[in-house]
Amino acid sequence: MKHIQYIYLTMCPHCWKANRLIKKARQEFPELQAVKIEKLNWLKHRDLSSRYGFHLVPTFIVDGEKVHEGAVDSPTIERVLRSAL
């Protein structure tokens, strides 16, 4: 299984939505429960922006590759989680 890094900001409404959608996807698709997500607050890990070339949160990195940046919806979250299987 691949490693997911989820870069977020505490006060970001798109990140709140991402959190809800991750929980929902894991309830709808039991196989996604096994996917491990490392949550990283951007304020504590600003170096990740230059390393992965992103400017928006939430951002999802799978095995060192940026797979999504910015606002999310259910299909996007499912795609991100499935990319780590």
C-alpha atoms as a PDB file:
ATOM      1  CA  MET A   1       0.000   0.000   0.000  1.00  0.00           C
ATOM      2  CA  LYS A   2       1.223   3.483  -0.832  1.00  0.00           C
ATOM      3  CA  HIS A   3       1.747   6.360   1.580  1.00  0.00           C
ATOM      4  CA  ILE A   4      -0.651   9.360   1.524  1.00  0.00           C
ATOM      5  CA  GLN A   5       0.314  12.732   2.919  1.00  0.00           C
ATOM      6  CA  TYR A   6      -2.636  15.069   3.395  1.00  0.00           C
ATOM      7  CA  ILE A   7      -1.566  18.711   3.767  1.00  0.00           C
ATOM      8  CA  TYR A   8      -4.213  20.904   5.372  1.00  0.00           C
ATOM      9  CA  LEU A   9      -4.873  24.067   7.347  1.00  0.00           C
ATOM     10  CA  THR A  10      -7.022  23.993  10.473  1.00  0.00           C
ATOM     11  CA  MET A  11      -9.211  26.920   9.414  1.00  0.00           C
ATOM     12  CA  CYS A  12      -9.585  25.864   5.755  1.00  0.00           C
ATOM     13  CA  PRO A  13     -13.227  25.092   4.850  1.00  0.00           C
ATOM     14  CA  HIS A  14     -12.103  22.920   1.908  1.00  0.00           C
ATOM     15  CA  CYS A  15     -10.019  20.876   4.349  1.00  0.00           C
ATOM     16  CA  TRP A  16     -13.028  20.438   6.651  1.00  0.00           C
ATOM     17  CA  LYS A  17     -14.954  19.163   3.638  1.00  0.00           C
ATOM     18  CA  ALA A  18     -12.098  16.823   2.730  1.00  0.00           C
ATOM     19  CA  ASN A  19     -12.143  15.385   6.259  1.00  0.00           C
ATOM     20  CA  ARG A  20     -15.893  14.679   6.012  1.00  0.00           C
ATOM     21  CA  LEU A  21     -15.534  13.146   2.547  1.00  0.00           C
ATOM     22  CA  ILE A  22     -12.657  10.888   3.640  1.00  0.00           C
ATOM     23  CA  LYS A  23     -14.781   9.586   6.512  1.00  0.00           C
ATOM     24  CA  LYS A  24     -17.767   9.079   4.179  1.00  0.00           C
ATOM     25  CA  ALA A  25     -15.680   7.263   1.542  1.00  0.00           C
ATOM     26  CA  ARG A  26     -14.277   4.912   4.160  1.00  0.00           C
ATOM     27  CA  GLN A  27     -17.812   4.110   5.348  1.00  0.00           C
ATOM     28  CA  GLU A  28     -19.110   3.510   1.807  1.00  0.00           C
ATOM     29  CA  PHE A  29     -16.094   1.521   0.598  1.00  0.00           C
ATOM     30  CA  PRO A  30     -14.688  -0.711   3.396  1.00  0.00           C
ATOM     31  CA  GLU A  31     -11.525  -1.463   1.404  1.00  0.00           C
ATOM     32  CA  LEU A  32     -10.525   2.198   1.790  1.00  0.00           C
ATOM     33  CA  GLN A  33     -10.386   1.871   5.585  1.00  0.00           C
ATOM     34  CA  ALA A  34      -6.955   0.266   5.271  1.00  0.00           C
ATOM     35  CA  VAL A  35      -5.463   3.332   3.553  1.00  0.00           C
ATOM     36  CA  LYS A  36      -3.152   5.193   5.937  1.00  0.00           C
ATOM     37  CA  ILE A  37      -3.181   8.981   5.752  1.00  0.00           C
ATOM     38  CA  GLU A  38      -0.535  11.155   7.370  1.00  0.00           C
ATOM     39  CA  LYS A  39      -2.127  14.536   8.128  1.00  0.00           C
ATOM     40  CA  LEU A  40       0.353  17.424   8.002  1.00  0.00           C
ATOM     41  CA  ASN A  41      -0.548  20.959   9.024  1.00  0.00           C
ATOM     42  CA  TRP A  42       0.905  23.260   6.366  1.00  0.00           C
ATOM     43  CA  LEU A  43       1.887  25.848   8.997  1.00  0.00           C
ATOM     44  CA  LYS A  44       4.265  23.293  10.528  1.00  0.00           C
ATOM     45  CA  HIS A  45       5.488  21.852   7.207  1.00  0.00           C
ATOM     46  CA  ARG A  46       5.838  24.817   4.848  1.00  0.00           C
ATOM     47  CA  ASP A  47       8.824  23.206   3.140  1.00  0.00           C
ATOM     48  CA  LEU A  48       6.415  20.771   1.472  1.00  0.00           C
ATOM     49  CA  SER A  49       5.067  23.580  -0.751  1.00  0.00           C
ATOM     50  CA  SER A  50       8.364  24.044  -2.541  1.00  0.00           C
ATOM     51  CA  ARG A  51       9.171  20.324  -2.559  1.00  0.00           C
ATOM     52  CA  TYR A  52       5.887  19.324  -4.230  1.00  0.00           C
ATOM     53  CA  GLY A  53       4.976  22.575  -5.965  1.00  0.00           C
ATOM     54  CA  PHE A  54       1.578  23.359  -4.502  1.00  0.00           C
ATOM     55  CA  HIS A  55      -0.113  26.592  -3.443  1.00  0.00           C
ATOM     56  CA  LEU A  56      -3.536  25.413  -2.236  1.00  0.00           C
ATOM     57  CA  VAL A  57      -4.848  23.157   0.504  1.00  0.00           C
ATOM     58  CA  PRO A  58      -5.993  20.530   0.828  1.00  0.00           C
ATOM     59  CA  THR A  59      -3.188  18.837  -1.078  1.00  0.00           C
ATOM     60  CA  PHE A  60      -2.706  15.081  -1.333  1.00  0.00           C
ATOM     61  CA  ILE A  61       0.681  13.492  -1.991  1.00  0.00           C
ATOM     62  CA  VAL A  62       0.809   9.758  -2.774  1.00  0.00           C
ATOM     63  CA  ASP A  63       4.237   8.139  -2.587  1.00  0.00           C
ATOM     64  CA  GLY A  64       5.973  11.468  -3.189  1.00  0.00           C
ATOM     65  CA  GLU A  65       3.775  12.577  -6.102  1.00  0.00           C
ATOM     66  CA  LYS A  66       1.158  15.332  -5.883  1.00  0.00           C
ATOM     67  CA  VAL A  67      -2.148  13.811  -6.986  1.00  0.00           C
ATOM     68  CA  HIS A  68      -4.558  16.593  -6.005  1.00  0.00           C
ATOM     69  CA  GLU A  69      -4.457  20.227  -4.892  1.00  0.00           C
ATOM     70  CA  GLY A  70      -7.389  22.446  -3.895  1.00  0.00           C
ATOM     71  CA  ALA A  71     -11.127  21.987  -3.394  1.00  0.00           C
ATOM     72  CA  VAL A  72     -12.450  18.416  -3.333  1.00  0.00           C
ATOM     73  CA  ASP A  73     -15.593  16.441  -4.034  1.00  0.00           C
ATOM     74  CA  SER A  74     -16.544  12.810  -3.359  1.00  0.00           C
ATOM     75  CA  PRO A  75     -15.159  11.357  -6.628  1.00  0.00           C
ATOM     76  CA  THR A  76     -11.844  13.162  -6.082  1.00  0.00           C
ATOM     77  CA  ILE A  77     -11.452  11.817  -2.545  1.00  0.00           C
ATOM     78  CA  GLU A  78     -12.314   8.283  -3.674  1.00  0.00           C
ATOM     79  CA  ARG A  79      -9.764   8.543  -6.514  1.00  0.00           C
ATOM     80  CA  VAL A  80      -7.057   9.801  -4.134  1.00  0.00           C
ATOM     81  CA  LEU A  81      -7.714   7.022  -1.612  1.00  0.00           C
ATOM     82  CA  ARG A  82      -7.863   4.330  -4.289  1.00  0.00           C
ATOM     83  CA  SER A  83      -4.571   5.542  -5.739  1.00  0.00           C
ATOM     84  CA  ALA A  84      -2.905   4.338  -2.534  1.00  0.00           C
ATOM     85  CA  LEU A  85      -4.264   0.782  -2.714  1.00  0.00           C
END
